[in-house]
Amino acid sequence: MTEVEGEEGDILSPEIVWGAHPLGDSHDIWYDDEGLFAPELFVADIGPLQRVPLPAYVFGVDGERSTDPAMSADELSSMIGEIRRVR
């Protein structure tokens, strides 16, 4: 896991089709929605979400707006379960 600095638009490339799922009440996890079809695929269980394609990014949420995450890197790290190569 690596902390990434920047605005959502700078981190999430417009060339990628992004999917997002809630991660608790105050965070979303964003991932490459088409990454499931990549020739080499790694996935992780993150909190209640299973098989999240990697890489994935966690943003805080405030209504419809993305914000900086309110959880620490250690808190997020403790939510990451098994990381595995699918193909």
N, C-alpha and C. Protein backbone atom coordinates (compact mmCIF):
# COMPACT_ATOMS: atom_id res chain seq x y z
N MET A 1 0.84 -1.16 0.00
CA MET A 1 0.00 0.00 0.00
C MET A 1 0.89 1.23 0.00
N THR A 2 0.48 2.23 -0.78
CA THR A 2 1.22 3.48 -0.89
C THR A 2 0.26 4.64 -0.79
N GLU A 3 0.64 5.65 -0.02
CA GLU A 3 -0.17 6.87 0.01
C GLU A 3 0.12 7.68 -1.24
N VAL A 4 -0.93 8.23 -1.85
CA VAL A 4 -0.81 9.01 -3.07
C VAL A 4 -1.35 10.40 -2.78
N GLU A 5 -0.59 11.40 -3.14
CA GLU A 5 -1.01 12.79 -2.95
C GLU A 5 -1.57 13.34 -4.26
N GLY A 6 -2.62 14.13 -4.19
CA GLY A 6 -3.15 14.78 -5.37
C GLY A 6 -4.66 14.82 -5.36
N GLU A 7 -5.19 15.55 -6.30
CA GLU A 7 -6.63 15.66 -6.46
C GLU A 7 -7.15 14.43 -7.19
N GLU A 8 -8.42 14.14 -6.99
CA GLU A 8 -9.03 12.97 -7.63
C GLU A 8 -8.77 12.96 -9.13
N GLY A 9 -8.97 14.08 -9.79
CA GLY A 9 -8.78 14.16 -11.24
C GLY A 9 -7.35 13.91 -11.68
N ASP A 10 -6.38 14.18 -10.80
CA ASP A 10 -4.98 13.92 -11.12
C ASP A 10 -4.62 12.46 -10.93
N ILE A 11 -5.31 11.79 -10.02
CA ILE A 11 -5.00 10.39 -9.68
C ILE A 11 -5.75 9.43 -10.59
N LEU A 12 -7.02 9.73 -10.84
CA LEU A 12 -7.87 8.84 -11.64
C LEU A 12 -7.80 9.24 -13.11
N SER A 13 -6.98 8.53 -13.87
CA SER A 13 -6.79 8.83 -15.29
C SER A 13 -8.11 8.77 -16.04
N PRO A 14 -8.38 9.78 -16.89
CA PRO A 14 -9.62 9.75 -17.67
C PRO A 14 -9.62 8.67 -18.75
N GLU A 15 -8.47 8.05 -19.00
CA GLU A 15 -8.39 6.99 -20.00
C GLU A 15 -8.86 5.64 -19.46
N ILE A 16 -9.13 5.58 -18.16
CA ILE A 16 -9.55 4.33 -17.52
C ILE A 16 -11.02 4.44 -17.13
N VAL A 17 -11.75 3.35 -17.30
CA VAL A 17 -13.14 3.30 -16.85
C VAL A 17 -13.11 2.90 -15.37
N TRP A 18 -13.48 3.83 -14.49
CA TRP A 18 -13.39 3.61 -13.06
C TRP A 18 -14.72 3.12 -12.50
N GLY A 19 -14.63 2.17 -11.59
CA GLY A 19 -15.77 1.73 -10.81
C GLY A 19 -15.53 2.15 -9.37
N ALA A 20 -16.59 2.29 -8.61
CA ALA A 20 -16.44 2.68 -7.20
C ALA A 20 -17.48 1.95 -6.36
N HIS A 21 -17.07 1.63 -5.15
CA HIS A 21 -17.98 1.02 -4.17
C HIS A 21 -17.77 1.71 -2.83
N PRO A 22 -18.82 1.84 -2.05
CA PRO A 22 -18.65 2.40 -0.71
C PRO A 22 -17.76 1.50 0.15
N LEU A 23 -16.93 2.12 0.93
CA LEU A 23 -16.10 1.43 1.91
C LEU A 23 -16.44 2.08 3.25
N GLY A 24 -17.49 1.57 3.88
CA GLY A 24 -18.01 2.22 5.08
C GLY A 24 -18.88 3.40 4.70
N ASP A 25 -19.17 4.24 5.68
CA ASP A 25 -20.06 5.39 5.45
C ASP A 25 -19.36 6.62 4.90
N SER A 26 -18.04 6.70 5.07
CA SER A 26 -17.37 7.96 4.72
C SER A 26 -16.23 7.79 3.72
N HIS A 27 -16.17 6.64 3.04
CA HIS A 27 -15.11 6.42 2.05
C HIS A 27 -15.65 5.64 0.86
N ASP A 28 -15.01 5.85 -0.27
CA ASP A 28 -15.26 5.05 -1.48
C ASP A 28 -13.93 4.44 -1.91
N ILE A 29 -14.01 3.26 -2.50
CA ILE A 29 -12.82 2.65 -3.10
C ILE A 29 -13.03 2.64 -4.60
N TRP A 30 -12.06 3.19 -5.33
CA TRP A 30 -12.12 3.30 -6.79
C TRP A 30 -11.14 2.31 -7.39
N TYR A 31 -11.53 1.65 -8.48
CA TYR A 31 -10.71 0.64 -9.13
C TYR A 31 -10.97 0.67 -10.63
N ASP A 32 -10.03 0.11 -11.38
CA ASP A 32 -10.14 0.03 -12.84
C ASP A 32 -11.20 -1.02 -13.17
N ASP A 33 -12.36 -0.55 -13.60
CA ASP A 33 -13.49 -1.45 -13.86
C ASP A 33 -13.20 -2.44 -14.97
N GLU A 34 -12.36 -2.06 -15.92
CA GLU A 34 -12.02 -2.97 -17.01
C GLU A 34 -10.78 -3.80 -16.68
N GLY A 35 -10.18 -3.55 -15.52
CA GLY A 35 -9.01 -4.31 -15.09
C GLY A 35 -9.30 -5.79 -14.91
N LEU A 36 -10.57 -6.12 -14.73
CA LEU A 36 -10.94 -7.54 -14.60
C LEU A 36 -10.62 -8.33 -15.86
N PHE A 37 -10.46 -7.63 -16.98
CA PHE A 37 -10.20 -8.30 -18.25
C PHE A 37 -8.72 -8.22 -18.65
N ALA A 38 -7.88 -7.67 -17.78
CA ALA A 38 -6.45 -7.55 -18.09
C ALA A 38 -5.80 -8.93 -18.10
N PRO A 39 -4.75 -9.10 -18.92
CA PRO A 39 -4.10 -10.41 -18.98
C PRO A 39 -3.46 -10.81 -17.64
N GLU A 40 -3.00 -9.83 -16.87
CA GLU A 40 -2.45 -10.10 -15.54
C GLU A 40 -3.31 -9.35 -14.53
N LEU A 41 -3.90 -10.08 -13.60
CA LEU A 41 -4.85 -9.47 -12.67
C LEU A 41 -4.51 -9.85 -11.24
N PHE A 42 -4.40 -8.82 -10.39
CA PHE A 42 -4.26 -9.01 -8.96
C PHE A 42 -5.52 -8.45 -8.31
N VAL A 43 -6.02 -9.13 -7.30
CA VAL A 43 -7.19 -8.67 -6.56
C VAL A 43 -6.90 -8.74 -5.07
N ALA A 44 -7.69 -8.01 -4.30
CA ALA A 44 -7.54 -8.02 -2.84
C ALA A 44 -8.91 -7.97 -2.20
N ASP A 45 -8.99 -8.53 -1.00
CA ASP A 45 -10.17 -8.35 -0.16
C ASP A 45 -9.88 -7.14 0.71
N ILE A 46 -10.75 -6.15 0.64
CA ILE A 46 -10.55 -4.90 1.39
C ILE A 46 -11.81 -4.63 2.17
N GLY A 47 -11.72 -4.74 3.49
CA GLY A 47 -12.90 -4.61 4.33
C GLY A 47 -13.93 -5.63 3.89
N PRO A 48 -15.18 -5.21 3.70
CA PRO A 48 -16.22 -6.16 3.30
C PRO A 48 -16.21 -6.49 1.80
N LEU A 49 -15.39 -5.78 1.04
CA LEU A 49 -15.36 -5.98 -0.41
C LEU A 49 -14.38 -7.09 -0.77
N GLN A 50 -14.81 -7.99 -1.64
CA GLN A 50 -13.96 -9.10 -2.05
C GLN A 50 -13.60 -8.97 -3.52
N ARG A 51 -12.39 -9.42 -3.83
CA ARG A 51 -11.90 -9.44 -5.21
C ARG A 51 -11.90 -8.05 -5.86
N VAL A 52 -11.37 -7.07 -5.16
CA VAL A 52 -11.24 -5.72 -5.71
C VAL A 52 -10.03 -5.73 -6.64
N PRO A 53 -10.20 -5.37 -7.92
CA PRO A 53 -9.06 -5.32 -8.84
C PRO A 53 -8.05 -4.27 -8.38
N LEU A 54 -6.79 -4.60 -8.50
CA LEU A 54 -5.73 -3.66 -8.11
C LEU A 54 -5.08 -3.07 -9.35
N PRO A 55 -4.62 -1.83 -9.30
CA PRO A 55 -4.59 -0.96 -8.14
C PRO A 55 -5.97 -0.40 -7.83
N ALA A 56 -6.13 0.03 -6.59
CA ALA A 56 -7.38 0.65 -6.13
C ALA A 56 -7.01 1.87 -5.30
N TYR A 57 -7.89 2.84 -5.26
CA TYR A 57 -7.66 4.09 -4.52
C TYR A 57 -8.82 4.34 -3.58
N VAL A 58 -8.51 4.82 -2.39
CA VAL A 58 -9.54 5.13 -1.40
C VAL A 58 -9.62 6.65 -1.24
N PHE A 59 -10.84 7.17 -1.38
CA PHE A 59 -11.11 8.58 -1.18
C PHE A 59 -12.16 8.72 -0.09
N GLY A 60 -12.11 9.82 0.64
CA GLY A 60 -13.19 10.15 1.54
C GLY A 60 -14.36 10.66 0.72
N VAL A 61 -15.54 10.68 1.30
CA VAL A 61 -16.71 11.22 0.60
C VAL A 61 -17.43 12.21 1.50
N ASP A 62 -17.96 13.22 0.85
CA ASP A 62 -18.78 14.23 1.52
C ASP A 62 -19.95 14.50 0.57
N GLY A 63 -21.04 13.77 0.75
CA GLY A 63 -22.15 13.85 -0.20
C GLY A 63 -21.72 13.24 -1.52
N GLU A 64 -21.77 14.03 -2.58
CA GLU A 64 -21.37 13.57 -3.90
C GLU A 64 -19.91 13.90 -4.21
N ARG A 65 -19.22 14.54 -3.28
CA ARG A 65 -17.87 15.05 -3.51
C ARG A 65 -16.83 14.14 -2.88
N SER A 66 -15.73 13.90 -3.59
CA SER A 66 -14.60 13.16 -3.03
C SER A 66 -13.74 14.10 -2.20
N THR A 67 -13.22 13.59 -1.10
CA THR A 67 -12.36 14.35 -0.21
C THR A 67 -11.15 13.50 0.15
N ASP A 68 -10.26 14.08 0.94
CA ASP A 68 -9.16 13.29 1.47
C ASP A 68 -9.72 12.22 2.39
N PRO A 69 -9.10 11.05 2.42
CA PRO A 69 -9.58 10.01 3.33
C PRO A 69 -9.46 10.45 4.79
N ALA A 70 -10.42 10.05 5.60
CA ALA A 70 -10.39 10.37 7.02
C ALA A 70 -9.70 9.27 7.81
N MET A 71 -9.44 8.12 7.19
CA MET A 71 -8.76 7.03 7.89
C MET A 71 -7.26 7.12 7.65
N SER A 72 -6.50 6.59 8.58
CA SER A 72 -5.05 6.59 8.45
C SER A 72 -4.62 5.44 7.54
N ALA A 73 -3.38 5.50 7.10
CA ALA A 73 -2.82 4.42 6.29
C ALA A 73 -2.82 3.12 7.09
N ASP A 74 -2.57 3.19 8.39
CA ASP A 74 -2.59 1.99 9.23
C ASP A 74 -3.98 1.38 9.32
N GLU A 75 -5.01 2.25 9.43
CA GLU A 75 -6.39 1.75 9.47
C GLU A 75 -6.74 1.04 8.17
N LEU A 76 -6.38 1.65 7.05
CA LEU A 76 -6.66 1.03 5.76
C LEU A 76 -5.88 -0.26 5.61
N SER A 77 -4.62 -0.24 5.99
CA SER A 77 -3.79 -1.43 5.89
C SER A 77 -4.38 -2.60 6.66
N SER A 78 -4.97 -2.31 7.81
CA SER A 78 -5.56 -3.38 8.63
C SER A 78 -6.82 -3.97 7.98
N MET A 79 -7.40 -3.26 7.01
CA MET A 79 -8.60 -3.74 6.32
C MET A 79 -8.26 -4.61 5.11
N ILE A 80 -7.00 -4.60 4.69
CA ILE A 80 -6.60 -5.33 3.49
C ILE A 80 -6.32 -6.77 3.88
N GLY A 81 -7.09 -7.66 3.27
CA GLY A 81 -6.90 -9.09 3.50
C GLY A 81 -5.95 -9.66 2.48
N GLU A 82 -6.29 -10.80 2.01
CA GLU A 82 -5.42 -11.52 1.06
C GLU A 82 -5.34 -10.78 -0.27
N ILE A 83 -4.11 -10.65 -0.77
CA ILE A 83 -3.87 -10.14 -2.11
C ILE A 83 -3.40 -11.34 -2.94
N ARG A 84 -4.05 -11.54 -4.08
CA ARG A 84 -3.70 -12.71 -4.86
C ARG A 84 -3.72 -12.41 -6.36
N ARG A 85 -2.88 -13.16 -7.05
CA ARG A 85 -2.83 -13.08 -8.50
C ARG A 85 -3.87 -14.05 -9.04
N VAL A 86 -4.76 -13.55 -9.86
CA VAL A 86 -5.82 -14.37 -10.44
C VAL A 86 -5.35 -14.97 -11.76
N ARG A 87 -4.62 -14.20 -12.53
CA ARG A 87 -4.06 -14.71 -13.78
C ARG A 87 -2.90 -13.85 -14.20
